[in-house]
Amino acid sequence: MLIQWFPGHMTKTKRMIEEHLKAVDVVAELLDARIPVSSANPMVEELVSGKPRIIILNKADLANPRATDQWISYYEKKGIPVLPMSVGNSKNKKKLLQVIRDTAEPILAKWKRRGMKSRSVRLMILGIPNVGKSSLINFLAGTAATRTANTPGQTRGKQWVRLSEGLDLLDTPGVLWPKFDDQTAALRLAATGAIAGDVFNASEVVAELMSSLGKTSPEILKEQYNIENPDQDPQVLLEQAGRRRGCLLPGGNIDFDRAEMVVLRDFRNGKLGRITLDPIPEGKDE
């Protein structure tokens, strides 16, 4: 399975992102809390080019909370502010705005030292497709947010959202390309629904999902699908899950196509519980 992002497409995207970045002071990188590595763009640090960056672990309500705490510690050791997020939670919104303000504080202090006229700090949200960028922008902006364009001191043609006094958000998410050359990452992206169903092989995706669950969450396989031994071939695990869910053909054989869709749906809608598929990279926790 290959994710269809071609060199020309990537070059055009990179150029557009770089143009947007010239207009902002702080960058928020949006990751899926269930797959922080798989949902990261491979060139984000180069693209951000030294600008203050925060990481938002979106869909944290679907991720394993213990694993999320480990990921927070991992990024904080790298000096990157990080916040778990569930769109729709007003407390999350307040916390995020505060993290953004704290991250922007050195910028404001520098302007003051240099005697520069103060203006609103500008924020941009970056992330690969389908990790929730537009939903987050709408959540932060709210229905009463003021959108302005072509105002003095702002980049022509760009729309901004006033999040709070002294903080503006670029009303266009930066859409980055995913890790198309990492097969495991691609399969995990597909499992979360970040890749459209017509560009991946469902059998491969479910095999990776069952294998990951067998290693990280064997108790879930037992509870949900009555699988006593998770250390088996993924196809065997799927067969047991399909039988448990009643995915049977006439004669009692397993309907594997249906079983695959059932397992994917169970994972995506949280029926299996809160699950994180990406482990902390070994030897990279410092």
Protein backbone atom coordinates (compact mmCIF):
# COMPACT_ATOMS: atom_id res chain seq x y z
CA MET A 1 0.00 0.00 0.00
CA LEU A 2 1.34 3.43 -0.95
CA ILE A 3 0.01 6.81 0.07
CA GLN A 4 -0.44 8.85 -3.09
CA TRP A 5 1.59 11.98 -2.48
CA PHE A 6 3.88 12.64 -5.42
CA PRO A 7 7.09 14.75 -5.42
CA GLY A 8 5.44 17.63 -7.31
CA HIS A 9 2.53 17.68 -4.89
CA MET A 10 4.88 17.67 -1.90
CA THR A 11 7.00 20.48 -3.36
CA LYS A 12 3.92 22.65 -3.95
CA THR A 13 2.62 21.91 -0.45
CA LYS A 14 5.99 22.69 1.15
CA ARG A 15 6.19 26.02 -0.69
CA MET A 16 2.68 27.00 0.42
CA ILE A 17 3.38 26.05 4.05
CA GLU A 18 6.61 28.05 4.04
CA GLU A 19 4.73 31.09 2.74
CA HIS A 20 2.13 30.79 5.51
CA LEU A 21 4.82 30.30 8.14
CA LYS A 22 6.35 33.69 7.30
CA ALA A 23 3.20 35.29 8.67
CA VAL A 24 3.01 33.46 12.02
CA ASP A 25 4.90 33.51 15.30
CA VAL A 26 3.93 30.16 16.87
CA VAL A 27 3.19 26.80 15.25
CA ALA A 28 0.89 24.14 16.69
CA GLU A 29 1.53 20.65 15.29
CA LEU A 30 -1.56 18.47 15.54
CA LEU A 31 -1.00 14.74 16.03
CA ASP A 32 -3.36 11.84 16.65
CA ALA A 33 -2.81 10.80 20.27
CA ARG A 34 -3.27 7.15 19.28
CA ILE A 35 -0.43 7.31 16.75
CA PRO A 36 1.87 10.26 17.55
CA VAL A 37 4.73 8.91 15.44
CA SER A 38 2.67 7.67 12.52
CA SER A 39 0.68 10.92 12.29
CA ALA A 40 3.76 13.17 12.32
CA ASN A 41 5.15 14.80 9.21
CA PRO A 42 8.76 13.73 8.51
CA MET A 43 9.90 17.29 7.68
CA VAL A 44 8.05 19.34 10.29
CA GLU A 45 11.16 20.48 12.18
CA GLU A 46 12.77 21.68 8.96
CA LEU A 47 9.58 23.45 7.90
CA VAL A 48 9.03 25.17 11.24
CA SER A 49 12.62 26.43 11.05
CA GLY A 50 13.17 27.45 14.64
CA LYS A 51 9.77 29.00 15.33
CA PRO A 52 8.26 28.20 18.73
CA ARG A 53 6.27 24.98 18.37
CA ILE A 54 3.72 23.23 20.51
CA ILE A 55 2.33 19.74 20.00
CA ILE A 56 -1.36 18.96 20.40
CA LEU A 57 -2.24 15.30 20.92
CA ASN A 58 -5.72 15.28 19.44
CA LYS A 59 -8.38 12.62 20.07
CA ALA A 60 -6.82 11.95 23.46
CA ASP A 61 -10.19 10.62 24.63
CA LEU A 62 -9.61 7.61 22.33
CA ALA A 63 -5.99 7.00 23.39
CA ASN A 64 -4.62 5.04 26.34
CA PRO A 65 -4.19 7.68 29.09
CA ARG A 66 -1.06 6.03 30.48
CA ALA A 67 0.52 6.01 27.03
CA THR A 68 -0.49 9.65 26.53
CA ASP A 69 1.29 10.59 29.76
CA GLN A 70 4.40 8.82 28.46
CA TRP A 71 4.21 10.74 25.19
CA ILE A 72 3.82 14.03 27.05
CA SER A 73 6.95 13.23 29.05
CA TYR A 74 8.78 12.26 25.84
CA TYR A 75 8.08 15.58 24.13
CA GLU A 76 8.65 17.68 27.24
CA LYS A 77 12.14 16.17 27.57
CA LYS A 78 12.74 17.54 24.09
CA GLY A 79 11.67 20.97 25.28
CA ILE A 80 8.41 20.97 23.30
CA PRO A 81 5.22 22.05 25.10
CA VAL A 82 2.53 19.41 24.59
CA LEU A 83 -1.15 19.19 25.42
CA PRO A 84 -3.62 16.29 25.10
CA MET A 85 -6.80 17.50 23.45
CA SER A 86 -10.38 16.42 22.86
CA VAL A 87 -12.27 18.83 20.62
CA GLY A 88 -15.43 19.99 22.35
CA ASN A 89 -14.01 20.12 25.87
CA SER A 90 -14.06 23.75 27.06
CA LYS A 91 -11.38 23.06 29.69
CA ASN A 92 -9.09 21.82 26.92
CA LYS A 93 -9.65 25.08 25.05
CA LYS A 94 -8.66 27.21 28.04
CA LYS A 95 -5.56 25.10 28.67
CA LEU A 96 -4.50 25.28 25.03
CA LEU A 97 -4.87 29.05 24.85
CA GLN A 98 -2.74 29.34 27.99
CA VAL A 99 -0.03 27.07 26.54
CA ILE A 100 0.01 29.21 23.39
CA ARG A 101 0.33 32.40 25.44
CA ASP A 102 3.14 30.92 27.53
CA THR A 103 4.95 29.79 24.38
CA ALA A 104 4.58 33.26 22.86
CA GLU A 105 5.80 35.09 25.96
CA PRO A 106 9.49 35.21 24.84
CA ILE A 107 8.37 36.74 21.53
CA LEU A 108 6.41 39.46 23.30
CA ALA A 109 9.35 40.13 25.61
CA LYS A 110 11.70 40.47 22.63
CA TRP A 111 9.38 42.96 20.95
CA LYS A 112 9.25 44.98 24.15
CA ARG A 113 13.06 44.98 24.58
CA ARG A 114 13.51 46.22 21.02
CA GLY A 115 10.90 48.91 21.45
CA MET A 116 8.75 47.38 18.72
CA LYS A 117 5.06 48.13 18.49
CA SER A 118 3.13 45.27 20.01
CA ARG A 119 0.63 43.31 17.92
CA SER A 120 -1.32 40.09 18.27
CA VAL A 121 0.66 36.87 18.35
CA ARG A 122 -0.18 34.79 15.28
CA LEU A 123 -0.68 31.03 15.38
CA MET A 124 -0.88 28.38 12.66
CA ILE A 125 -2.03 24.78 12.98
CA LEU A 126 -0.08 22.14 11.02
CA GLY A 127 -0.83 18.47 10.51
CA ILE A 128 -1.34 15.67 8.04
CA PRO A 129 -4.82 15.12 6.51
CA ASN A 130 -7.69 13.94 8.69
CA VAL A 131 -6.20 14.46 12.15
CA GLY A 132 -8.79 17.11 13.01
CA LYS A 133 -7.21 20.44 12.00
CA SER A 134 -10.37 22.08 10.67
CA SER A 135 -12.43 20.81 13.61
CA LEU A 136 -9.88 22.25 16.03
CA ILE A 137 -9.86 25.62 14.26
CA ASN A 138 -13.66 25.75 14.40
CA PHE A 139 -13.65 24.68 18.05
CA LEU A 140 -11.10 27.34 19.01
CA ALA A 141 -12.73 30.04 16.91
CA GLY A 142 -16.28 29.48 18.08
CA THR A 143 -19.37 30.79 16.33
CA ALA A 144 -18.85 34.39 17.42
CA ALA A 145 -15.21 34.69 16.44
CA THR A 146 -14.21 37.71 14.37
CA ARG A 147 -12.52 36.90 11.08
CA THR A 148 -10.46 39.64 9.49
CA ALA A 149 -8.64 39.84 6.18
CA ASN A 150 -6.19 42.33 4.68
CA THR A 151 -6.01 44.44 7.83
CA PRO A 152 -2.96 46.66 8.36
CA GLY A 153 0.10 44.67 9.37
CA GLN A 154 -1.39 41.36 8.29
CA THR A 155 -0.44 39.34 5.25
CA ARG A 156 -2.57 40.10 2.22
CA GLY A 157 -5.08 37.44 1.26
CA LYS A 158 -4.95 35.55 4.54
CA GLN A 159 -7.84 35.25 6.96
CA TRP A 160 -7.33 35.44 10.70
CA VAL A 161 -9.46 34.48 13.67
CA ARG A 162 -9.26 36.44 16.92
CA LEU A 163 -9.04 33.70 19.57
CA SER A 164 -8.56 36.08 22.47
CA GLU A 165 -7.06 39.46 23.15
CA GLY A 166 -3.60 39.47 21.61
CA LEU A 167 -3.90 36.08 19.89
CA ASP A 168 -4.87 35.47 16.26
CA LEU A 169 -5.15 32.15 14.42
CA LEU A 170 -4.54 31.71 10.69
CA ASP A 171 -7.87 30.43 9.39
CA THR A 172 -6.19 27.94 7.07
CA PRO A 173 -4.62 24.75 8.38
CA GLY A 174 -1.27 23.69 7.02
CA VAL A 175 -1.86 20.32 5.38
CA LEU A 176 1.30 18.24 5.51
CA TRP A 177 1.98 14.96 3.77
CA PRO A 178 2.15 11.76 5.84
CA LYS A 179 5.00 9.27 6.15
CA PHE A 180 4.33 7.56 2.86
CA ASP A 181 7.52 5.47 3.00
CA ASP A 182 6.82 3.83 6.38
CA GLN A 183 4.56 0.82 5.86
CA THR A 184 3.68 0.38 9.53
CA ALA A 185 2.85 4.07 9.90
CA ALA A 186 0.70 3.94 6.76
CA LEU A 187 -1.25 0.95 8.06
CA ARG A 188 -1.83 2.61 11.43
CA LEU A 189 -2.96 5.81 9.73
CA ALA A 190 -5.43 3.76 7.73
CA ALA A 191 -6.66 2.04 10.90
CA THR A 192 -7.59 5.40 12.43
CA GLY A 193 -9.37 6.49 9.26
CA ALA A 194 -6.78 9.12 8.31
CA ILE A 195 -6.41 7.51 4.88
CA ALA A 196 -9.42 7.03 2.61
CA GLY A 197 -10.69 3.47 2.36
CA ASP A 198 -10.21 3.23 -1.39
CA VAL A 199 -6.42 3.57 -1.19
CA PHE A 200 -5.56 0.82 1.28
CA ASN A 201 -5.89 -2.92 1.58
CA ALA A 202 -8.23 -3.58 4.50
CA SER A 203 -6.72 -7.02 5.13
CA GLU A 204 -3.25 -5.51 5.64
CA VAL A 205 -4.61 -2.77 7.88
CA VAL A 206 -6.55 -5.14 10.12
CA ALA A 207 -3.61 -7.56 10.27
CA GLU A 208 -1.39 -4.73 11.57
CA LEU A 209 -4.11 -3.62 13.99
CA MET A 210 -4.63 -7.12 15.41
CA SER A 211 -0.88 -7.63 15.69
CA SER A 212 -0.46 -4.32 17.55
CA LEU A 213 -3.36 -5.07 19.88
CA GLY A 214 -1.90 -8.49 20.62
CA LYS A 215 1.33 -6.84 21.77
CA THR A 216 0.01 -3.75 23.55
CA SER A 217 -3.53 -4.61 24.66
CA PRO A 218 -4.01 -8.40 24.91
CA GLU A 219 -6.66 -7.90 27.60
CA ILE A 220 -8.82 -6.03 25.08
CA LEU A 221 -8.68 -8.91 22.62
CA LYS A 222 -9.74 -11.27 25.39
CA GLU A 223 -12.54 -9.07 26.67
CA GLN A 224 -13.98 -8.03 23.32
CA TYR A 225 -13.35 -11.07 21.14
CA ASN A 226 -12.77 -13.89 23.64
CA ILE A 227 -9.21 -14.38 22.37
CA GLU A 228 -7.24 -16.22 25.04
CA ASN A 229 -3.90 -16.36 23.23
CA PRO A 230 -3.04 -13.08 21.46
CA ASP A 231 0.37 -14.38 20.38
CA GLN A 232 -0.95 -15.89 17.15
CA ASP A 233 -1.01 -15.07 13.46
CA PRO A 234 -3.20 -11.97 12.86
CA GLN A 235 -5.42 -13.95 10.49
CA VAL A 236 -6.12 -16.46 13.26
CA LEU A 237 -6.94 -13.59 15.63
CA LEU A 238 -9.28 -12.09 13.04
CA GLU A 239 -11.00 -15.43 12.58
CA GLN A 240 -11.67 -15.65 16.32
CA ALA A 241 -12.89 -12.05 16.42
CA GLY A 242 -15.16 -12.66 13.44
CA ARG A 243 -16.65 -15.73 15.04
CA ARG A 244 -17.22 -13.83 18.28
CA ARG A 245 -19.00 -11.05 16.36
CA GLY A 246 -21.09 -13.45 14.31
CA CYS A 247 -19.44 -12.68 10.97
CA LEU A 248 -20.37 -16.01 9.40
CA LEU A 249 -21.14 -17.23 5.91
CA PRO A 250 -23.66 -19.99 5.14
CA GLY A 251 -22.13 -23.20 6.42
CA GLY A 252 -20.44 -21.52 9.37
CA ASN A 253 -17.29 -20.25 7.64
CA ILE A 254 -15.91 -16.84 8.61
CA ASP A 255 -16.85 -13.86 6.45
CA PHE A 256 -13.42 -12.24 6.62
CA ASP A 257 -14.41 -9.10 4.70
CA ARG A 258 -17.19 -8.40 7.16
CA ALA A 259 -14.97 -9.29 10.14
CA GLU A 260 -12.35 -6.79 8.97
CA MET A 261 -14.91 -3.99 8.76
CA VAL A 262 -16.31 -4.87 12.19
CA VAL A 263 -12.88 -4.78 13.84
CA LEU A 264 -12.00 -1.48 12.14
CA ARG A 265 -15.30 0.04 13.22
CA ASP A 266 -14.86 -1.23 16.79
CA PHE A 267 -11.43 0.43 16.95
CA ARG A 268 -12.40 3.73 15.36
CA ASN A 269 -15.52 4.36 17.43
CA GLY A 270 -13.83 3.49 20.73
CA LYS A 271 -15.76 0.27 21.32
CA LEU A 272 -12.47 -1.52 22.06
CA GLY A 273 -11.57 1.07 24.68
CA ARG A 274 -8.80 3.66 24.75
CA ILE A 275 -5.91 2.39 22.65
CA THR A 276 -2.53 3.79 21.61
CA LEU A 277 -0.78 1.96 18.78
CA ASP A 278 2.53 3.85 18.59
CA PRO A 279 5.05 3.06 21.34
CA ILE A 280 7.68 5.53 22.53
CA PRO A 281 10.71 5.20 20.18
CA GLU A 282 13.30 3.01 21.89
CA GLY A 283 16.45 4.80 22.96
CA LYS A 284 14.94 8.19 22.11
CA ASP A 285 13.40 9.25 25.36
CA GLU A 286 16.04 11.75 26.25
